[in-house]
């Protein structure tokens, strides 16, 4: 298993919004390639200083990965999120 880390601490913040920004980051991080690699697990670290990640940003960044995974369980099996509870709850809703 190969682990990849996405650390939001290095991405700016504390607010992440806008689908175009999420899509641009998705391209920069080459998430399409990671989705194709069955042996890769992606650890996403969101620091406590993050105020908000909007649904539009999240879906621009991770929406195609959710669709590629085929299910909520498969997506969260590949993408592991470390974030404060309020953000994790929001992410659960965005994926649903």
Protein backbone atom coordinates (compact mmCIF):
# COMPACT_ATOMS: atom_id res chain seq x y z
CA UNK A 1 0.00 0.00 0.00
CA UNK A 2 1.29 3.44 -0.93
CA UNK A 3 0.30 6.43 1.24
CA UNK A 4 -0.08 9.94 -0.10
CA UNK A 5 -0.60 12.91 2.23
CA UNK A 6 -2.60 16.02 1.37
CA UNK A 7 -1.86 18.56 4.08
CA UNK A 8 -4.15 21.59 3.99
CA UNK A 9 -1.65 23.43 6.21
CA UNK A 10 0.47 23.96 3.10
CA UNK A 11 -2.48 25.07 0.94
CA UNK A 12 -3.36 28.44 2.47
CA UNK A 13 -6.69 28.84 4.22
CA UNK A 14 -8.35 29.17 6.67
CA UNK A 15 -11.35 29.27 4.29
CA UNK A 16 -11.57 27.13 1.16
CA UNK A 17 -14.40 27.96 -1.20
CA UNK A 18 -15.40 27.80 -4.83
CA UNK A 19 -15.67 24.85 -7.16
CA UNK A 20 -13.11 26.29 -9.62
CA UNK A 21 -10.52 26.47 -6.82
CA UNK A 22 -11.26 22.89 -5.83
CA UNK A 23 -10.97 21.73 -9.44
CA UNK A 24 -7.67 23.60 -9.87
CA UNK A 25 -6.26 21.98 -6.73
CA UNK A 26 -7.49 18.58 -7.91
CA UNK A 27 -5.51 19.03 -11.12
CA UNK A 28 -2.44 20.25 -9.22
CA UNK A 29 -2.56 17.22 -6.91
CA UNK A 30 -3.22 14.82 -9.84
CA UNK A 31 -6.09 13.14 -8.00
CA UNK A 32 -7.32 11.45 -11.17
CA UNK A 33 -4.06 9.47 -11.25
CA UNK A 34 -4.36 8.62 -7.55
CA UNK A 35 -7.93 7.41 -8.07
CA UNK A 36 -6.74 4.99 -10.74
CA UNK A 37 -4.01 3.52 -8.52
CA UNK A 38 -5.72 0.84 -6.42
CA UNK A 39 -2.70 0.54 -4.11
CA UNK A 40 -2.77 4.18 -3.02
CA UNK A 41 -4.40 5.46 0.18
CA UNK A 42 -4.76 9.23 0.51
CA UNK A 43 -4.49 10.79 3.97
CA UNK A 44 -6.04 14.26 4.08
CA UNK A 45 -4.95 16.39 7.02
CA UNK A 46 -6.98 19.52 7.77
CA UNK A 47 -5.51 21.65 10.57
CA UNK A 48 -7.69 22.91 13.43
CA UNK A 49 -7.07 26.46 12.21
CA UNK A 50 -9.23 25.75 9.14
CA UNK A 51 -12.46 27.69 9.47
CA UNK A 52 -14.43 26.36 6.52
CA UNK A 53 -14.29 24.06 3.50
CA UNK A 54 -17.40 24.71 1.45
CA UNK A 55 -19.31 21.99 -0.36
CA UNK A 56 -18.47 23.57 -3.72
CA UNK A 57 -14.72 23.49 -3.00
CA UNK A 58 -14.89 19.96 -1.56
CA UNK A 59 -16.85 18.63 -4.53
CA UNK A 60 -14.56 20.37 -7.03
CA UNK A 61 -11.63 18.69 -5.30
CA UNK A 62 -13.08 15.30 -4.39
CA UNK A 63 -16.36 14.92 -6.34
CA UNK A 64 -14.86 12.94 -9.23
CA UNK A 65 -13.11 10.71 -6.68
CA UNK A 66 -16.43 9.98 -4.98
CA UNK A 67 -17.96 9.07 -8.36
CA UNK A 68 -14.92 6.97 -9.31
CA UNK A 69 -15.03 5.08 -6.00
CA UNK A 70 -18.65 4.14 -6.67
CA UNK A 71 -19.80 4.32 -3.07
CA UNK A 72 -19.44 6.35 0.08
CA UNK A 73 -17.68 3.46 1.81
CA UNK A 74 -15.19 2.96 -1.01
CA UNK A 75 -14.39 6.68 -1.11
CA UNK A 76 -13.73 6.85 2.62
CA UNK A 77 -11.75 3.62 2.33
CA UNK A 78 -9.32 5.35 -0.02
CA UNK A 79 -9.46 8.91 1.38
CA UNK A 80 -8.87 9.16 5.13
CA UNK A 81 -9.66 12.54 6.68
CA UNK A 82 -8.09 13.99 9.80
CA UNK A 83 -10.08 17.10 10.70
CA UNK A 84 -12.02 18.59 13.58
CA UNK A 85 -15.41 16.93 14.11
CA UNK A 86 -17.48 19.78 12.63
CA UNK A 87 -15.58 19.54 9.34
CA UNK A 88 -15.69 15.74 9.27
CA UNK A 89 -19.47 15.91 9.70
CA UNK A 90 -19.67 18.40 6.83
CA UNK A 91 -17.54 16.13 4.62
CA UNK A 92 -19.86 13.20 5.37
CA UNK A 93 -22.78 15.30 4.16
CA UNK A 94 -20.94 16.47 1.05
CA UNK A 95 -20.17 12.87 0.05
CA UNK A 96 -23.76 11.77 0.59
